[in-house]
Amino acid sequence: MASTHNGDIMNELRSLQAQVMHFKDLLAEEGERVSGEVRGRTASALNGASRKAQDVATYARDEAGTMASVVREHPAATSTALLAVGVIGGLVGYFLANASQPSRNNSHWNWR
């Protein structure tokens, strides 16, 4: 009776081992499938990003060429525009610096 019981347990263990191996194989196959999909999507995304970066670089190069030709054709207007932008930037910086200074109450400042 004990040998029959041991035989049943051994059969159960073999069956469980076979099921575990089957699940392991299924997981490996699913992992390979998912990793293949991820690789494909990643390659597609990188190709799209590369094309966009090339388009942006081409656009920037074209705009820089256009700006360079405008500067060559109108140097006085360009220097006036740059001077105006510099003055406006300086004024904005001055006003922002003065607006963000803390109030000077005697209780907060101790001069020794």
C-alpha atoms as a PDB file:
ATOM      1  CA  MET A   1       0.000   0.000   0.000  1.00  0.00           C
ATOM      2  CA  ALA A   2       2.860   2.344   0.818  1.00  0.00           C
ATOM      3  CA  SER A   3       4.506   1.668  -2.542  1.00  0.00           C
ATOM      4  CA  THR A   4       1.259   2.477  -4.359  1.00  0.00           C
ATOM      5  CA  HIS A   5       1.005   5.713  -2.411  1.00  0.00           C
ATOM      6  CA  ASN A   6       4.656   6.568  -3.219  1.00  0.00           C
ATOM      7  CA  GLY A   7       4.038   5.736  -6.862  1.00  0.00           C
ATOM      8  CA  ASP A   8       1.038   8.093  -6.945  1.00  0.00           C
ATOM      9  CA  ILE A   9       3.111  10.859  -5.388  1.00  0.00           C
ATOM     10  CA  MET A  10       5.917  10.305  -7.902  1.00  0.00           C
ATOM     11  CA  ASN A  11       3.418  10.413 -10.792  1.00  0.00           C
ATOM     12  CA  GLU A  12       1.978  13.641  -9.412  1.00  0.00           C
ATOM     13  CA  LEU A  13       5.470  15.138  -9.098  1.00  0.00           C
ATOM     14  CA  ARG A  14       6.285  14.179 -12.703  1.00  0.00           C
ATOM     15  CA  SER A  15       3.013  15.689 -13.857  1.00  0.00           C
ATOM     16  CA  LEU A  16       3.691  18.911 -11.937  1.00  0.00           C
ATOM     17  CA  GLN A  17       7.240  19.021 -13.295  1.00  0.00           C
ATOM     18  CA  ALA A  18       5.907  18.651 -16.854  1.00  0.00           C
ATOM     19  CA  GLN A  19       3.394  21.444 -16.256  1.00  0.00           C
ATOM     20  CA  VAL A  20       6.095  23.718 -14.847  1.00  0.00           C
ATOM     21  CA  MET A  21       8.290  23.056 -17.892  1.00  0.00           C
ATOM     22  CA  HIS A  22       5.325  23.754 -20.188  1.00  0.00           C
ATOM     23  CA  PHE A  23       4.612  27.060 -18.412  1.00  0.00           C
ATOM     24  CA  LYS A  24       8.309  27.956 -18.598  1.00  0.00           C
ATOM     25  CA  ASP A  25       8.296  27.358 -22.360  1.00  0.00           C
ATOM     26  CA  LEU A  26       5.112  29.420 -22.774  1.00  0.00           C
ATOM     27  CA  LEU A  27       6.612  32.295 -20.804  1.00  0.00           C
ATOM     28  CA  ALA A  28       9.793  32.173 -22.873  1.00  0.00           C
ATOM     29  CA  GLU A  29       7.813  32.258 -26.116  1.00  0.00           C
ATOM     30  CA  GLU A  30       5.662  35.144 -24.880  1.00  0.00           C
ATOM     31  CA  GLY A  31       8.748  37.029 -23.714  1.00  0.00           C
ATOM     32  CA  GLU A  32      10.367  36.641 -27.132  1.00  0.00           C
ATOM     33  CA  ARG A  33       7.196  37.812 -28.866  1.00  0.00           C
ATOM     34  CA  VAL A  34       6.824  40.865 -26.635  1.00  0.00           C
ATOM     35  CA  SER A  35      10.505  41.774 -26.926  1.00  0.00           C
ATOM     36  CA  GLY A  36      10.227  41.531 -30.717  1.00  0.00           C
ATOM     37  CA  GLU A  37       7.242  43.883 -30.685  1.00  0.00           C
ATOM     38  CA  VAL A  38       9.064  46.324 -28.411  1.00  0.00           C
ATOM     39  CA  ARG A  39      12.146  46.220 -30.665  1.00  0.00           C
ATOM     40  CA  GLY A  40       9.972  46.922 -33.691  1.00  0.00           C
ATOM     41  CA  ARG A  41       8.157  49.808 -32.041  1.00  0.00           C
ATOM     42  CA  THR A  42      11.416  51.249 -30.732  1.00  0.00           C
ATOM     43  CA  ALA A  43      13.049  51.069 -34.150  1.00  0.00           C
ATOM     44  CA  SER A  44      10.011  52.743 -35.700  1.00  0.00           C
ATOM     45  CA  ALA A  45      10.018  55.500 -33.067  1.00  0.00           C
ATOM     46  CA  LEU A  46      13.745  56.097 -33.489  1.00  0.00           C
ATOM     47  CA  ASN A  47      13.393  56.290 -37.266  1.00  0.00           C
ATOM     48  CA  GLY A  48      10.560  58.791 -36.890  1.00  0.00           C
ATOM     49  CA  ALA A  49      12.549  60.857 -34.396  1.00  0.00           C
ATOM     50  CA  SER A  50      15.565  60.791 -36.685  1.00  0.00           C
ATOM     51  CA  ARG A  51      13.498  62.034 -39.615  1.00  0.00           C
ATOM     52  CA  LYS A  52      11.999  64.800 -37.462  1.00  0.00           C
ATOM     53  CA  ALA A  53      15.457  65.838 -36.246  1.00  0.00           C
ATOM     54  CA  GLN A  54      16.707  65.978 -39.822  1.00  0.00           C
ATOM     55  CA  ASP A  55      13.683  68.083 -40.821  1.00  0.00           C
ATOM     56  CA  VAL A  56      14.313  70.475 -37.936  1.00  0.00           C
ATOM     57  CA  ALA A  57      17.999  70.750 -38.802  1.00  0.00           C
ATOM     58  CA  THR A  58      17.162  71.458 -42.440  1.00  0.00           C
ATOM     59  CA  TYR A  59      14.610  74.078 -41.441  1.00  0.00           C
ATOM     60  CA  ALA A  60      17.060  75.749 -39.040  1.00  0.00           C
ATOM     61  CA  ARG A  61      19.774  75.758 -41.720  1.00  0.00           C
ATOM     62  CA  ASP A  62      17.383  77.299 -44.246  1.00  0.00           C
ATOM     63  CA  GLU A  63      16.233  79.960 -41.775  1.00  0.00           C
ATOM     64  CA  ALA A  64      19.819  80.775 -40.827  1.00  0.00           C
ATOM     65  CA  GLY A  65      20.655  81.214 -44.504  1.00  0.00           C
ATOM     66  CA  THR A  66      17.649  83.491 -44.962  1.00  0.00           C
ATOM     67  CA  MET A  67      18.603  85.567 -41.917  1.00  0.00           C
ATOM     68  CA  ALA A  68      22.211  85.809 -43.110  1.00  0.00           C
ATOM     69  CA  SER A  69      21.087  87.106 -46.490  1.00  0.00           C
ATOM     70  CA  VAL A  70      18.815  89.693 -44.835  1.00  0.00           C
ATOM     71  CA  VAL A  71      21.691  90.828 -42.600  1.00  0.00           C
ATOM     72  CA  ARG A  72      24.003  91.124 -45.613  1.00  0.00           C
ATOM     73  CA  GLU A  73      21.431  93.134 -47.558  1.00  0.00           C
ATOM     74  CA  HIS A  74      20.415  95.453 -44.679  1.00  0.00           C
ATOM     75  CA  PRO A  75      23.303  95.851 -42.202  1.00  0.00           C
ATOM     76  CA  ALA A  76      22.097  99.204 -40.792  1.00  0.00           C
ATOM     77  CA  ALA A  77      18.591  97.911 -40.096  1.00  0.00           C
ATOM     78  CA  THR A  78      20.015  94.789 -38.514  1.00  0.00           C
ATOM     79  CA  SER A  79      22.279  96.715 -36.145  1.00  0.00           C
ATOM     80  CA  THR A  80      19.375  99.023 -35.207  1.00  0.00           C
ATOM     81  CA  ALA A  81      17.113  96.044 -34.507  1.00  0.00           C
ATOM     82  CA  LEU A  82      19.793  94.329 -32.399  1.00  0.00           C
ATOM     83  CA  LEU A  83      20.426  97.536 -30.451  1.00  0.00           C
ATOM     84  CA  ALA A  84      16.675  97.949 -29.822  1.00  0.00           C
ATOM     85  CA  VAL A  85      16.373  94.343 -28.622  1.00  0.00           C
ATOM     86  CA  GLY A  86      19.368  94.859 -26.314  1.00  0.00           C
ATOM     87  CA  VAL A  87      17.900  98.045 -24.802  1.00  0.00           C
ATOM     88  CA  ILE A  88      14.501  96.418 -24.297  1.00  0.00           C
ATOM     89  CA  GLY A  89      16.130  93.369 -22.701  1.00  0.00           C
ATOM     90  CA  GLY A  90      18.145  95.602 -20.385  1.00  0.00           C
ATOM     91  CA  LEU A  91      15.051  97.528 -19.321  1.00  0.00           C
ATOM     92  CA  VAL A  92      13.078  94.349 -18.688  1.00  0.00           C
ATOM     93  CA  GLY A  93      15.955  92.971 -16.608  1.00  0.00           C
ATOM     94  CA  TYR A  94      16.206  96.211 -14.631  1.00  0.00           C
ATOM     95  CA  PHE A  95      12.490  96.293 -13.866  1.00  0.00           C
ATOM     96  CA  LEU A  96      12.425  92.616 -12.890  1.00  0.00           C
ATOM     97  CA  ALA A  97      15.405  93.072 -10.586  1.00  0.00           C
ATOM     98  CA  ASN A  98      13.803  96.048  -8.859  1.00  0.00           C
ATOM     99  CA  ALA A  99      10.420  94.357  -8.569  1.00  0.00           C
ATOM    100  CA  SER A 100      11.846  91.273  -6.860  1.00  0.00           C
ATOM    101  CA  GLN A 101      13.864  93.042  -4.129  1.00  0.00           C
ATOM    102  CA  PRO A 102      12.540  92.420  -0.615  1.00  0.00           C
ATOM    103  CA  SER A 103      11.160  95.327   1.389  1.00  0.00           C
ATOM    104  CA  ARG A 104      13.666  96.802   3.788  1.00  0.00           C
ATOM    105  CA  ASN A 105      12.014  96.936   7.202  1.00  0.00           C
ATOM    106  CA  ASN A 106      14.184  97.745  10.188  1.00  0.00           C
ATOM    107  CA  SER A 107      12.983  94.603  11.960  1.00  0.00           C
ATOM    108  CA  HIS A 108      14.328  92.381   9.172  1.00  0.00           C
ATOM    109  CA  TRP A 109      17.677  94.054   8.573  1.00  0.00           C
ATOM    110  CA  ASN A 110      20.288  94.303  11.285  1.00  0.00           C
ATOM    111  CA  TRP A 111      23.287  96.408  10.271  1.00  0.00           C
ATOM    112  CA  ARG A 112      26.179  96.062  12.688  1.00  0.00           C
END
